[in-house]
Amino acid sequence: MSHPVVHFEIGCKDKAATSAFYAAAFGWAIDSGPLGDINTGSSEGIQGHIAALGHEPHQFTHFYVQTEDVAASLARVQELGGRTLVPPVAIPGGTFAWFADPEGNTVGLWKPA
């Protein structure tokens, strides 16, 4: 299986202010609901959302790599010197996890439902 980058996420403390910034800067339409889906106005590129977790980390920008097996991908990451930050979490659309690469960059994994 290939492992395409399929999603991005922008973290913040103030979702409304952050959404307003990106809407003004790039003309994006950002849903005010809890998911904060971003409509860039184009079918090109990948989809994303604005997230306010309510706890640390507040500021982050992540991309998500699609995989058929989130747990197996995390195991491979750990074999290569990375570490799990958030173990697999099932949500309505699928399962995600976060890992840190050997340099400390946070990357997401995603398996659609």
C-alpha atoms as a PDB file:
ATOM      1  CA  MET A   1       0.000   0.000   0.000  1.00  0.00           C
ATOM      2  CA  SER A   2       1.114   3.522  -0.661  1.00  0.00           C
ATOM      3  CA  HIS A   3       0.984   5.952   2.246  1.00  0.00           C
ATOM      4  CA  PRO A   4      -0.388   9.256   0.907  1.00  0.00           C
ATOM      5  CA  VAL A   5      -0.628  12.434   2.947  1.00  0.00           C
ATOM      6  CA  VAL A   6      -4.381  12.791   3.273  1.00  0.00           C
ATOM      7  CA  HIS A   7      -5.174  15.521   5.794  1.00  0.00           C
ATOM      8  CA  PHE A   8      -3.748  18.483   7.686  1.00  0.00           C
ATOM      9  CA  GLU A   9      -4.667  20.046  11.007  1.00  0.00           C
ATOM     10  CA  ILE A  10      -3.915  23.479  12.455  1.00  0.00           C
ATOM     11  CA  GLY A  11      -4.055  23.681  16.248  1.00  0.00           C
ATOM     12  CA  CYS A  12      -4.855  26.781  18.258  1.00  0.00           C
ATOM     13  CA  LYS A  13      -6.237  28.140  21.530  1.00  0.00           C
ATOM     14  CA  ASP A  14      -8.849  30.400  19.913  1.00  0.00           C
ATOM     15  CA  LYS A  15     -10.588  28.558  17.090  1.00  0.00           C
ATOM     16  CA  ALA A  16     -12.748  31.510  16.044  1.00  0.00           C
ATOM     17  CA  ALA A  17      -9.796  33.912  15.794  1.00  0.00           C
ATOM     18  CA  THR A  18      -7.590  31.360  14.033  1.00  0.00           C
ATOM     19  CA  SER A  19     -10.376  30.514  11.592  1.00  0.00           C
ATOM     20  CA  ALA A  20     -10.929  34.212  10.894  1.00  0.00           C
ATOM     21  CA  PHE A  21      -7.191  34.678  10.222  1.00  0.00           C
ATOM     22  CA  TYR A  22      -7.028  31.859   7.648  1.00  0.00           C
ATOM     23  CA  ALA A  23     -10.329  32.887   6.068  1.00  0.00           C
ATOM     24  CA  ALA A  24      -9.024  36.435   5.591  1.00  0.00           C
ATOM     25  CA  ALA A  25      -5.532  35.370   4.503  1.00  0.00           C
ATOM     26  CA  PHE A  26      -6.546  32.739   1.941  1.00  0.00           C
ATOM     27  CA  GLY A  27     -10.293  33.064   1.387  1.00  0.00           C
ATOM     28  CA  TRP A  28     -10.959  29.694   3.028  1.00  0.00           C
ATOM     29  CA  ALA A  29     -14.454  28.890   4.318  1.00  0.00           C
ATOM     30  CA  ILE A  30     -14.043  27.292   7.751  1.00  0.00           C
ATOM     31  CA  ASP A  31     -16.900  25.508   9.462  1.00  0.00           C
ATOM     32  CA  SER A  32     -17.643  26.941  12.907  1.00  0.00           C
ATOM     33  CA  GLY A  33     -18.668  23.524  14.253  1.00  0.00           C
ATOM     34  CA  PRO A  34     -16.501  21.306  16.426  1.00  0.00           C
ATOM     35  CA  LEU A  35     -14.624  19.758  13.493  1.00  0.00           C
ATOM     36  CA  GLY A  36     -13.621  23.080  11.930  1.00  0.00           C
ATOM     37  CA  ASP A  37     -13.506  21.649   8.411  1.00  0.00           C
ATOM     38  CA  ILE A  38     -11.688  23.879   5.926  1.00  0.00           C
ATOM     39  CA  ASN A  39     -13.034  24.422   2.425  1.00  0.00           C
ATOM     40  CA  THR A  40     -10.149  25.884   0.446  1.00  0.00           C
ATOM     41  CA  GLY A  41     -12.380  26.502  -2.567  1.00  0.00           C
ATOM     42  CA  SER A  42     -10.367  24.066  -4.672  1.00  0.00           C
ATOM     43  CA  SER A  43     -10.488  20.372  -5.477  1.00  0.00           C
ATOM     44  CA  GLU A  44      -6.672  20.385  -5.522  1.00  0.00           C
ATOM     45  CA  GLY A  45      -4.604  19.615  -2.450  1.00  0.00           C
ATOM     46  CA  ILE A  46      -5.665  17.826   0.711  1.00  0.00           C
ATOM     47  CA  GLN A  47      -8.456  18.589   3.158  1.00  0.00           C
ATOM     48  CA  GLY A  48      -7.867  19.974   6.626  1.00  0.00           C
ATOM     49  CA  HIS A  49      -9.392  21.437   9.749  1.00  0.00           C
ATOM     50  CA  ILE A  50      -8.794  23.877  12.606  1.00  0.00           C
ATOM     51  CA  ALA A  51      -8.617  22.261  16.070  1.00  0.00           C
ATOM     52  CA  ALA A  52      -8.781  23.716  19.574  1.00  0.00           C
ATOM     53  CA  LEU A  53      -8.025  20.803  21.906  1.00  0.00           C
ATOM     54  CA  GLY A  54      -8.569  22.751  25.119  1.00  0.00           C
ATOM     55  CA  HIS A  55      -5.192  21.592  26.472  1.00  0.00           C
ATOM     56  CA  GLU A  56      -1.534  21.450  25.451  1.00  0.00           C
ATOM     57  CA  PRO A  57      -0.363  21.379  22.777  1.00  0.00           C
ATOM     58  CA  HIS A  58      -2.302  24.433  21.628  1.00  0.00           C
ATOM     59  CA  GLN A  59      -0.222  25.481  18.620  1.00  0.00           C
ATOM     60  CA  PHE A  60       0.632  22.806  16.101  1.00  0.00           C
ATOM     61  CA  THR A  61       0.459  21.980  12.441  1.00  0.00           C
ATOM     62  CA  HIS A  62       0.218  18.298  11.611  1.00  0.00           C
ATOM     63  CA  PHE A  63      -0.158  16.286   8.485  1.00  0.00           C
ATOM     64  CA  TYR A  64      -1.673  12.807   8.445  1.00  0.00           C
ATOM     65  CA  VAL A  65      -0.345   9.790   6.567  1.00  0.00           C
ATOM     66  CA  GLN A  66      -2.916   7.173   5.597  1.00  0.00           C
ATOM     67  CA  THR A  67      -2.158   3.588   6.581  1.00  0.00           C
ATOM     68  CA  GLU A  68      -3.978   0.261   6.603  1.00  0.00           C
ATOM     69  CA  ASP A  69      -2.867  -0.533  10.178  1.00  0.00           C
ATOM     70  CA  VAL A  70      -2.267   2.323  12.611  1.00  0.00           C
ATOM     71  CA  ALA A  71      -0.821   0.108  15.372  1.00  0.00           C
ATOM     72  CA  ALA A  72       1.597  -1.627  12.984  1.00  0.00           C
ATOM     73  CA  SER A  73       2.720   1.724  11.587  1.00  0.00           C
ATOM     74  CA  LEU A  74       3.380   3.003  15.121  1.00  0.00           C
ATOM     75  CA  ALA A  75       5.397  -0.133  15.877  1.00  0.00           C
ATOM     76  CA  ARG A  76       7.511   0.464  12.768  1.00  0.00           C
ATOM     77  CA  VAL A  77       8.008   4.123  13.720  1.00  0.00           C
ATOM     78  CA  GLN A  78       9.277   3.022  17.142  1.00  0.00           C
ATOM     79  CA  GLU A  79      11.658   0.480  15.560  1.00  0.00           C
ATOM     80  CA  LEU A  80      13.126   3.364  13.547  1.00  0.00           C
ATOM     81  CA  GLY A  81      13.667   5.643  16.549  1.00  0.00           C
ATOM     82  CA  GLY A  82      10.361   7.499  16.694  1.00  0.00           C
ATOM     83  CA  ARG A  83       7.940   7.421  19.597  1.00  0.00           C
ATOM     84  CA  THR A  84       4.192   7.260  20.068  1.00  0.00           C
ATOM     85  CA  LEU A  85       2.620  10.478  21.334  1.00  0.00           C
ATOM     86  CA  VAL A  86      -1.059   9.500  21.042  1.00  0.00           C
ATOM     87  CA  PRO A  87      -1.888   5.804  20.670  1.00  0.00           C
ATOM     88  CA  PRO A  88      -4.626   4.748  18.223  1.00  0.00           C
ATOM     89  CA  VAL A  89      -7.915   6.544  18.856  1.00  0.00           C
ATOM     90  CA  ALA A  90     -11.122   5.455  17.119  1.00  0.00           C
ATOM     91  CA  ILE A  91     -13.407   8.308  16.023  1.00  0.00           C
ATOM     92  CA  PRO A  92     -16.514   8.147  13.828  1.00  0.00           C
ATOM     93  CA  GLY A  93     -14.567   8.553  10.560  1.00  0.00           C
ATOM     94  CA  GLY A  94     -11.728   6.138  11.337  1.00  0.00           C
ATOM     95  CA  THR A  95      -8.695   5.781  13.604  1.00  0.00           C
ATOM     96  CA  PHE A  96      -5.846   8.227  14.169  1.00  0.00           C
ATOM     97  CA  ALA A  97      -2.620   8.370  16.174  1.00  0.00           C
ATOM     98  CA  TRP A  98       0.265  10.819  16.604  1.00  0.00           C
ATOM     99  CA  PHE A  99       3.952  10.009  16.672  1.00  0.00           C
ATOM    100  CA  ALA A 100       7.186  11.960  16.986  1.00  0.00           C
ATOM    101  CA  ASP A 101       9.899  11.292  14.440  1.00  0.00           C
ATOM    102  CA  PRO A 102      13.525  11.066  15.635  1.00  0.00           C
ATOM    103  CA  GLU A 103      13.845  14.881  15.319  1.00  0.00           C
ATOM    104  CA  GLY A 104      10.723  15.493  17.427  1.00  0.00           C
ATOM    105  CA  ASN A 105       8.306  16.440  14.617  1.00  0.00           C
ATOM    106  CA  THR A 106       4.730  15.368  15.301  1.00  0.00           C
ATOM    107  CA  VAL A 107       3.028  13.452  12.487  1.00  0.00           C
ATOM    108  CA  GLY A 108      -0.412  11.882  12.391  1.00  0.00           C
ATOM    109  CA  LEU A 109      -1.469   8.478  11.122  1.00  0.00           C
ATOM    110  CA  TRP A 110      -4.950   7.896   9.720  1.00  0.00           C
ATOM    111  CA  LYS A 111      -7.009   4.859   8.760  1.00  0.00           C
ATOM    112  CA  PRO A 112     -10.463   5.671   7.407  1.00  0.00           C
ATOM    113  CA  ALA A 113     -13.393   3.638   8.713  1.00  0.00           C
END
